[in-house]
Amino acid sequence: MKSILSAFVSLAILTGAMAPTSAETAQTSQPRNTIGDIKELAQALRAGGHVILVRHGATVTNRANTDPFNLSDIAKQRNLNDKGKMLAKAFGEAIRAAGVPVWEVYTSQFNRAYETAVLAGFKNIETIVDLSEGGLVVTPDENNRRAKALRDMLARAPHEGENDILITHKPNIIDALGKDWFDVKEGEAAIFKPEGATYRLLARVQMEDWPTIASSLR
């Protein structure tokens, strides 16, 4: 069986990367032992029981959030660029083509996260503050609370036979999982398996690789 790491450098499938005993402790992002090829990952997702953590899609890099206290003014946010929109659509199409069941989709309140979910064609989308980027506009206590909330969501098992999707921001991911996640790219997904009160990282997948995962099951 061909290792996925030898076929796609950007797709890190791993096992043995167990989360600590407490879901409040950051988990390693580094791959250890591979668990087979793309098809095995696709079959695992099709069976359900996973939480897919996604950094929002690619954005316009010369824009900033100029009014972070008014999230209804989308024009003053950093939004998806054309590539981000295209890949978000392809991401959703690949999820459906692979027969991956999706139950709940939670996103940040910022448009770039919500639009990623909408363009992917997901249903049952809920925007929540727990996944919204805080940074310097909220207190350190609030940033810490959001980080814990994200870890708790990774440890929460979805509806039986389904997968949940969380779409958030790089700072939230780093705050929740640790500095090893500093390299998380726009559109990158991390697939976690909730296990009791904790979680296990199975794979990190770039958004452009999802069609390959879907095609492995054809």
C-alpha atoms as a PDB file:
ATOM      1  CA  MET A   1       0.000   0.000   0.000  1.00  0.00           C
ATOM      2  CA  LYS A   2       1.499   3.287  -1.073  1.00  0.00           C
ATOM      3  CA  SER A   3       2.043   5.792   1.687  1.00  0.00           C
ATOM      4  CA  ILE A   4       0.206   9.054   1.238  1.00  0.00           C
ATOM      5  CA  LEU A   5       3.269  10.920   2.418  1.00  0.00           C
ATOM      6  CA  SER A   6       5.213   9.706  -0.610  1.00  0.00           C
ATOM      7  CA  ALA A   7       2.423  10.768  -2.951  1.00  0.00           C
ATOM      8  CA  PHE A   8       1.318  14.119  -1.517  1.00  0.00           C
ATOM      9  CA  VAL A   9       3.716  16.041   0.687  1.00  0.00           C
ATOM     10  CA  SER A  10       0.961  18.476   1.658  1.00  0.00           C
ATOM     11  CA  LEU A  11      -1.301  15.720   3.018  1.00  0.00           C
ATOM     12  CA  ALA A  12      -0.022  14.453   6.364  1.00  0.00           C
ATOM     13  CA  ILE A  13      -1.886  11.358   7.535  1.00  0.00           C
ATOM     14  CA  LEU A  14      -0.801  10.156  10.917  1.00  0.00           C
ATOM     15  CA  THR A  15      -1.536   7.997  13.866  1.00  0.00           C
ATOM     16  CA  GLY A  16      -0.146   7.683  17.369  1.00  0.00           C
ATOM     17  CA  ALA A  17      -0.489  11.454  17.819  1.00  0.00           C
ATOM     18  CA  MET A  18      -2.738  11.089  20.802  1.00  0.00           C
ATOM     19  CA  ALA A  19      -4.080  14.142  22.522  1.00  0.00           C
ATOM     20  CA  PRO A  20      -3.062  14.612  26.148  1.00  0.00           C
ATOM     21  CA  THR A  21      -5.239  13.382  28.961  1.00  0.00           C
ATOM     22  CA  SER A  22      -6.864  16.799  29.161  1.00  0.00           C
ATOM     23  CA  ALA A  23      -8.479  18.450  26.138  1.00  0.00           C
ATOM     24  CA  GLU A  24      -7.197  21.726  27.560  1.00  0.00           C
ATOM     25  CA  THR A  25      -3.610  20.827  26.657  1.00  0.00           C
ATOM     26  CA  ALA A  26      -2.329  21.642  23.162  1.00  0.00           C
ATOM     27  CA  GLN A  27      -1.799  18.613  20.917  1.00  0.00           C
ATOM     28  CA  THR A  28       1.185  17.975  18.678  1.00  0.00           C
ATOM     29  CA  SER A  29       0.767  18.729  14.975  1.00  0.00           C
ATOM     30  CA  GLN A  30       3.693  16.626  13.796  1.00  0.00           C
ATOM     31  CA  PRO A  31       3.120  13.372  11.879  1.00  0.00           C
ATOM     32  CA  ARG A  32       4.317  10.105  13.317  1.00  0.00           C
ATOM     33  CA  ASN A  33       3.283   6.773  11.745  1.00  0.00           C
ATOM     34  CA  THR A  34       1.290   6.792   8.519  1.00  0.00           C
ATOM     35  CA  ILE A  35      -1.998   4.837   8.463  1.00  0.00           C
ATOM     36  CA  GLY A  36      -2.203   3.998   4.807  1.00  0.00           C
ATOM     37  CA  ASP A  37      -3.310   5.830   1.734  1.00  0.00           C
ATOM     38  CA  ILE A  38      -5.891   8.398   0.740  1.00  0.00           C
ATOM     39  CA  LYS A  39      -8.588   5.771   0.342  1.00  0.00           C
ATOM     40  CA  GLU A  40      -8.288   4.695   3.957  1.00  0.00           C
ATOM     41  CA  LEU A  41      -8.748   8.283   5.112  1.00  0.00           C
ATOM     42  CA  ALA A  42     -11.763   8.731   2.823  1.00  0.00           C
ATOM     43  CA  GLN A  43     -13.343   5.531   4.140  1.00  0.00           C
ATOM     44  CA  ALA A  44     -12.823   6.664   7.727  1.00  0.00           C
ATOM     45  CA  LEU A  45     -14.529   9.987   6.992  1.00  0.00           C
ATOM     46  CA  ARG A  46     -17.381   8.229   5.217  1.00  0.00           C
ATOM     47  CA  ALA A  47     -17.985   6.185   8.374  1.00  0.00           C
ATOM     48  CA  GLY A  48     -18.374   9.388  10.407  1.00  0.00           C
ATOM     49  CA  GLY A  49     -17.353  10.185  13.955  1.00  0.00           C
ATOM     50  CA  HIS A  50     -14.828  12.933  13.162  1.00  0.00           C
ATOM     51  CA  VAL A  51     -14.439  16.665  13.670  1.00  0.00           C
ATOM     52  CA  ILE A  52     -12.913  18.488  10.695  1.00  0.00           C
ATOM     53  CA  LEU A  53     -11.207  21.713  11.772  1.00  0.00           C
ATOM     54  CA  VAL A  54     -10.705  24.122   8.874  1.00  0.00           C
ATOM     55  CA  ARG A  55      -8.870  27.418   8.598  1.00  0.00           C
ATOM     56  CA  HIS A  56     -10.969  29.633   6.311  1.00  0.00           C
ATOM     57  CA  GLY A  57     -10.086  29.750   2.607  1.00  0.00           C
ATOM     58  CA  ALA A  58      -7.494  31.931   0.890  1.00  0.00           C
ATOM     59  CA  THR A  59      -8.029  35.672   1.367  1.00  0.00           C
ATOM     60  CA  VAL A  60      -7.168  39.020  -0.197  1.00  0.00           C
ATOM     61  CA  THR A  61      -3.777  39.693   1.370  1.00  0.00           C
ATOM     62  CA  ASN A  62      -3.747  43.493   1.077  1.00  0.00           C
ATOM     63  CA  ARG A  63      -6.913  43.919   3.133  1.00  0.00           C
ATOM     64  CA  ALA A  64      -7.375  44.078   6.887  1.00  0.00           C
ATOM     65  CA  ASN A  65     -10.268  43.965   9.338  1.00  0.00           C
ATOM     66  CA  THR A  66     -10.755  47.694   9.845  1.00  0.00           C
ATOM     67  CA  ASP A  67     -13.911  47.506  11.958  1.00  0.00           C
ATOM     68  CA  PRO A  68     -13.741  44.268  13.983  1.00  0.00           C
ATOM     69  CA  PHE A  69     -16.489  45.476  16.338  1.00  0.00           C
ATOM     70  CA  ASN A  70     -19.012  45.644  13.492  1.00  0.00           C
ATOM     71  CA  LEU A  71     -19.082  42.200  11.925  1.00  0.00           C
ATOM     72  CA  SER A  72     -22.099  43.052   9.800  1.00  0.00           C
ATOM     73  CA  ASP A  73     -19.974  45.401   7.655  1.00  0.00           C
ATOM     74  CA  ILE A  74     -18.408  42.803   5.370  1.00  0.00           C
ATOM     75  CA  ALA A  75     -16.719  45.474   3.216  1.00  0.00           C
ATOM     76  CA  LYS A  76     -14.407  46.308   6.126  1.00  0.00           C
ATOM     77  CA  GLN A  77     -13.193  42.729   6.551  1.00  0.00           C
ATOM     78  CA  ARG A  78     -10.461  40.699   4.870  1.00  0.00           C
ATOM     79  CA  ASN A  79     -12.490  38.436   2.607  1.00  0.00           C
ATOM     80  CA  LEU A  80     -11.904  35.436   0.365  1.00  0.00           C
ATOM     81  CA  ASN A  81     -10.055  35.964  -2.899  1.00  0.00           C
ATOM     82  CA  ASP A  82     -10.982  34.215  -6.146  1.00  0.00           C
ATOM     83  CA  LYS A  83      -8.804  31.204  -5.311  1.00  0.00           C
ATOM     84  CA  GLY A  84     -10.365  30.907  -1.889  1.00  0.00           C
ATOM     85  CA  LYS A  85     -13.854  30.948  -3.380  1.00  0.00           C
ATOM     86  CA  MET A  86     -12.973  28.376  -6.046  1.00  0.00           C
ATOM     87  CA  LEU A  87     -11.341  25.978  -3.608  1.00  0.00           C
ATOM     88  CA  ALA A  88     -14.184  26.314  -1.103  1.00  0.00           C
ATOM     89  CA  LYS A  89     -16.624  25.177  -3.786  1.00  0.00           C
ATOM     90  CA  ALA A  90     -14.330  22.304  -4.788  1.00  0.00           C
ATOM     91  CA  PHE A  91     -13.946  21.324  -1.114  1.00  0.00           C
ATOM     92  CA  GLY A  92     -17.687  20.952  -0.667  1.00  0.00           C
ATOM     93  CA  GLU A  93     -18.102  19.111  -3.955  1.00  0.00           C
ATOM     94  CA  ALA A  94     -15.355  16.662  -2.963  1.00  0.00           C
ATOM     95  CA  ILE A  95     -16.927  16.064   0.461  1.00  0.00           C
ATOM     96  CA  ARG A  96     -20.218  15.149  -1.225  1.00  0.00           C
ATOM     97  CA  ALA A  97     -18.565  13.107  -3.987  1.00  0.00           C
ATOM     98  CA  ALA A  98     -16.738  11.067  -1.343  1.00  0.00           C
ATOM     99  CA  GLY A  99     -19.987  10.426   0.507  1.00  0.00           C
ATOM    100  CA  VAL A 100     -18.687  12.092   3.674  1.00  0.00           C
ATOM    101  CA  PRO A 101     -21.703  12.778   5.911  1.00  0.00           C
ATOM    102  CA  VAL A 102     -21.794  16.220   7.511  1.00  0.00           C
ATOM    103  CA  TRP A 103     -24.045  16.949  10.487  1.00  0.00           C
ATOM    104  CA  GLU A 104     -23.256  20.370  11.971  1.00  0.00           C
ATOM    105  CA  VAL A 105     -21.123  23.174  10.541  1.00  0.00           C
ATOM    106  CA  TYR A 106     -19.915  25.884  12.907  1.00  0.00           C
ATOM    107  CA  THR A 107     -18.031  28.931  11.688  1.00  0.00           C
ATOM    108  CA  SER A 108     -16.509  32.136  12.926  1.00  0.00           C
ATOM    109  CA  GLN A 109     -18.684  35.241  12.720  1.00  0.00           C
ATOM    110  CA  PHE A 110     -16.241  36.765  10.226  1.00  0.00           C
ATOM    111  CA  ASN A 111     -17.403  36.543   6.627  1.00  0.00           C
ATOM    112  CA  ARG A 112     -14.323  34.751   5.284  1.00  0.00           C
ATOM    113  CA  ALA A 113     -15.131  31.745   7.484  1.00  0.00           C
ATOM    114  CA  TYR A 114     -18.878  31.823   6.925  1.00  0.00           C
ATOM    115  CA  GLU A 115     -18.453  32.276   3.158  1.00  0.00           C
ATOM    116  CA  THR A 116     -16.124  29.278   3.038  1.00  0.00           C
ATOM    117  CA  ALA A 117     -18.967  27.160   4.430  1.00  0.00           C
ATOM    118  CA  VAL A 118     -21.632  28.712   2.198  1.00  0.00           C
ATOM    119  CA  LEU A 119     -19.605  28.292  -1.000  1.00  0.00           C
ATOM    120  CA  ALA A 120     -18.866  24.703  -0.007  1.00  0.00           C
ATOM    121  CA  GLY A 121     -22.613  24.134  -0.077  1.00  0.00           C
ATOM    122  CA  PHE A 122     -22.925  23.047   3.549  1.00  0.00           C
ATOM    123  CA  LYS A 123     -26.226  23.153   5.399  1.00  0.00           C
ATOM    124  CA  ASN A 124     -26.960  23.728   9.098  1.00  0.00           C
ATOM    125  CA  ILE A 125     -24.345  26.496   9.287  1.00  0.00           C
ATOM    126  CA  GLU A 126     -24.132  28.323  12.601  1.00  0.00           C
ATOM    127  CA  THR A 127     -21.839  31.287  13.238  1.00  0.00           C
ATOM    128  CA  ILE A 128     -20.535  31.379  16.807  1.00  0.00           C
ATOM    129  CA  VAL A 129     -18.329  33.668  18.843  1.00  0.00           C
ATOM    130  CA  ASP A 130     -16.289  30.701  20.127  1.00  0.00           C
ATOM    131  CA  LEU A 131     -14.687  30.305  16.668  1.00  0.00           C
ATOM    132  CA  SER A 132     -14.363  34.036  15.923  1.00  0.00           C
ATOM    133  CA  GLU A 133     -10.974  35.685  15.896  1.00  0.00           C
ATOM    134  CA  GLY A 134     -10.448  37.833  18.953  1.00  0.00           C
ATOM    135  CA  GLY A 135      -6.871  39.019  18.991  1.00  0.00           C
ATOM    136  CA  LEU A 136      -6.284  42.451  20.480  1.00  0.00           C
ATOM    137  CA  VAL A 137      -9.943  43.485  20.415  1.00  0.00           C
ATOM    138  CA  VAL A 138     -10.931  41.109  23.225  1.00  0.00           C
ATOM    139  CA  THR A 139      -9.407  40.448  26.619  1.00  0.00           C
ATOM    140  CA  PRO A 140      -6.772  37.752  27.183  1.00  0.00           C
ATOM    141  CA  ASP A 141      -9.326  35.933  29.340  1.00  0.00           C
ATOM    142  CA  GLU A 142     -11.782  35.877  26.433  1.00  0.00           C
ATOM    143  CA  ASN A 143      -9.121  34.600  24.014  1.00  0.00           C
ATOM    144  CA  ASN A 144      -8.324  31.829  26.496  1.00  0.00           C
ATOM    145  CA  ARG A 145     -12.012  31.001  26.866  1.00  0.00           C
ATOM    146  CA  ARG A 146     -12.387  30.683  23.080  1.00  0.00           C
ATOM    147  CA  ALA A 147      -9.307  28.457  22.916  1.00  0.00           C
ATOM    148  CA  LYS A 148     -10.779  26.115  25.514  1.00  0.00           C
ATOM    149  CA  ALA A 149     -14.130  26.154  23.724  1.00  0.00           C
ATOM    150  CA  LEU A 150     -12.417  25.049  20.502  1.00  0.00           C
ATOM    151  CA  ARG A 151     -10.644  22.193  22.269  1.00  0.00           C
ATOM    152  CA  ASP A 152     -13.935  21.124  23.829  1.00  0.00           C
ATOM    153  CA  MET A 153     -15.554  21.070  20.372  1.00  0.00           C
ATOM    154  CA  LEU A 154     -12.748  18.848  19.057  1.00  0.00           C
ATOM    155  CA  ALA A 155     -13.393  16.409  21.901  1.00  0.00           C
ATOM    156  CA  ARG A 156     -17.159  16.318  21.367  1.00  0.00           C
ATOM    157  CA  ALA A 157     -18.361  13.380  19.299  1.00  0.00           C
ATOM    158  CA  PRO A 158     -20.720  14.317  16.448  1.00  0.00           C
ATOM    159  CA  HIS A 159     -24.093  12.714  15.789  1.00  0.00           C
ATOM    160  CA  GLU A 160     -23.629   8.964  15.196  1.00  0.00           C
ATOM    161  CA  GLY A 161     -22.381   8.225  11.689  1.00  0.00           C
ATOM    162  CA  GLU A 162     -21.805  11.923  10.937  1.00  0.00           C
ATOM    163  CA  ASN A 163     -18.938  14.425  10.950  1.00  0.00           C
ATOM    164  CA  ASP A 164     -18.900  17.992  12.249  1.00  0.00           C
ATOM    165  CA  ILE A 165     -17.015  20.836  10.571  1.00  0.00           C
ATOM    166  CA  LEU A 166     -15.490  23.833  12.384  1.00  0.00           C
ATOM    167  CA  ILE A 167     -14.230  26.793  10.328  1.00  0.00           C
ATOM    168  CA  THR A 168     -12.086  29.300  12.178  1.00  0.00           C
ATOM    169  CA  HIS A 169      -8.859  31.348  12.076  1.00  0.00           C
ATOM    170  CA  LYS A 170      -5.132  30.769  12.501  1.00  0.00           C
ATOM    171  CA  PRO A 171      -4.883  32.610  15.864  1.00  0.00           C
ATOM    172  CA  ASN A 172      -7.714  30.500  17.288  1.00  0.00           C
ATOM    173  CA  ILE A 173      -6.029  27.287  16.128  1.00  0.00           C
ATOM    174  CA  ILE A 174      -2.660  28.289  17.583  1.00  0.00           C
ATOM    175  CA  ASP A 175      -4.219  29.415  20.877  1.00  0.00           C
ATOM    176  CA  ALA A 176      -6.101  26.125  21.186  1.00  0.00           C
ATOM    177  CA  LEU A 177      -3.502  23.642  19.923  1.00  0.00           C
ATOM    178  CA  GLY A 178      -0.132  25.304  20.445  1.00  0.00           C
ATOM    179  CA  LYS A 179       2.699  26.998  18.567  1.00  0.00           C
ATOM    180  CA  ASP A 180       3.397  23.880  16.462  1.00  0.00           C
ATOM    181  CA  TRP A 181       0.344  24.932  14.433  1.00  0.00           C
ATOM    182  CA  PHE A 182       1.901  28.227  13.338  1.00  0.00           C
ATOM    183  CA  ASP A 183       2.316  26.803   9.816  1.00  0.00           C
ATOM    184  CA  VAL A 184      -1.419  26.101   9.335  1.00  0.00           C
ATOM    185  CA  LYS A 185      -2.349  27.393   5.877  1.00  0.00           C
ATOM    186  CA  GLU A 186      -5.491  29.099   4.653  1.00  0.00           C
ATOM    187  CA  GLY A 187      -7.940  26.381   3.661  1.00  0.00           C
ATOM    188  CA  GLU A 188      -6.082  23.648   5.529  1.00  0.00           C
ATOM    189  CA  ALA A 189      -8.170  21.065   7.368  1.00  0.00           C
ATOM    190  CA  ALA A 190      -7.162  18.991  10.375  1.00  0.00           C
ATOM    191  CA  ILE A 191      -9.185  15.832  10.983  1.00  0.00           C
ATOM    192  CA  PHE A 192      -9.686  14.836  14.608  1.00  0.00           C
ATOM    193  CA  LYS A 193     -11.231  11.772  16.204  1.00  0.00           C
ATOM    194  CA  PRO A 194     -12.981  12.588  19.515  1.00  0.00           C
ATOM    195  CA  GLU A 195     -12.121   9.990  22.150  1.00  0.00           C
ATOM    196  CA  GLY A 196     -13.885  10.436  25.439  1.00  0.00           C
ATOM    197  CA  ALA A 197     -12.935  13.813  26.864  1.00  0.00           C
ATOM    198  CA  THR A 198     -10.026  14.236  24.471  1.00  0.00           C
ATOM    199  CA  TYR A 199      -9.214  13.865  20.754  1.00  0.00           C
ATOM    200  CA  ARG A 200      -6.709  12.348  18.345  1.00  0.00           C
ATOM    201  CA  LEU A 201      -5.310  13.995  15.222  1.00  0.00           C
ATOM    202  CA  LEU A 202      -5.622  11.786  12.133  1.00  0.00           C
ATOM    203  CA  ALA A 203      -4.633  14.012   9.225  1.00  0.00           C
ATOM    204  CA  ARG A 204      -3.883  17.471   7.923  1.00  0.00           C
ATOM    205  CA  VAL A 205      -5.236  18.094   4.440  1.00  0.00           C
ATOM    206  CA  GLN A 206      -4.751  21.056   2.121  1.00  0.00           C
ATOM    207  CA  MET A 207      -7.969  22.299   0.506  1.00  0.00           C
ATOM    208  CA  GLU A 208      -6.769  21.542  -3.025  1.00  0.00           C
ATOM    209  CA  ASP A 209      -6.241  17.856  -2.098  1.00  0.00           C
ATOM    210  CA  TRP A 210      -9.891  17.056  -1.288  1.00  0.00           C
ATOM    211  CA  PRO A 211     -10.836  16.150  -4.894  1.00  0.00           C
ATOM    212  CA  THR A 212      -8.069  13.530  -4.806  1.00  0.00           C
ATOM    213  CA  ILE A 213      -9.551  12.061  -1.654  1.00  0.00           C
ATOM    214  CA  ALA A 214     -12.958  11.874  -3.315  1.00  0.00           C
ATOM    215  CA  SER A 215     -11.610  10.272  -6.473  1.00  0.00           C
ATOM    216  CA  SER A 216      -9.939   7.517  -4.434  1.00  0.00           C
ATOM    217  CA  LEU A 217     -13.360   6.003  -3.780  1.00  0.00           C
ATOM    218  CA  ARG A 218     -14.520   5.888  -7.391  1.00  0.00           C
END
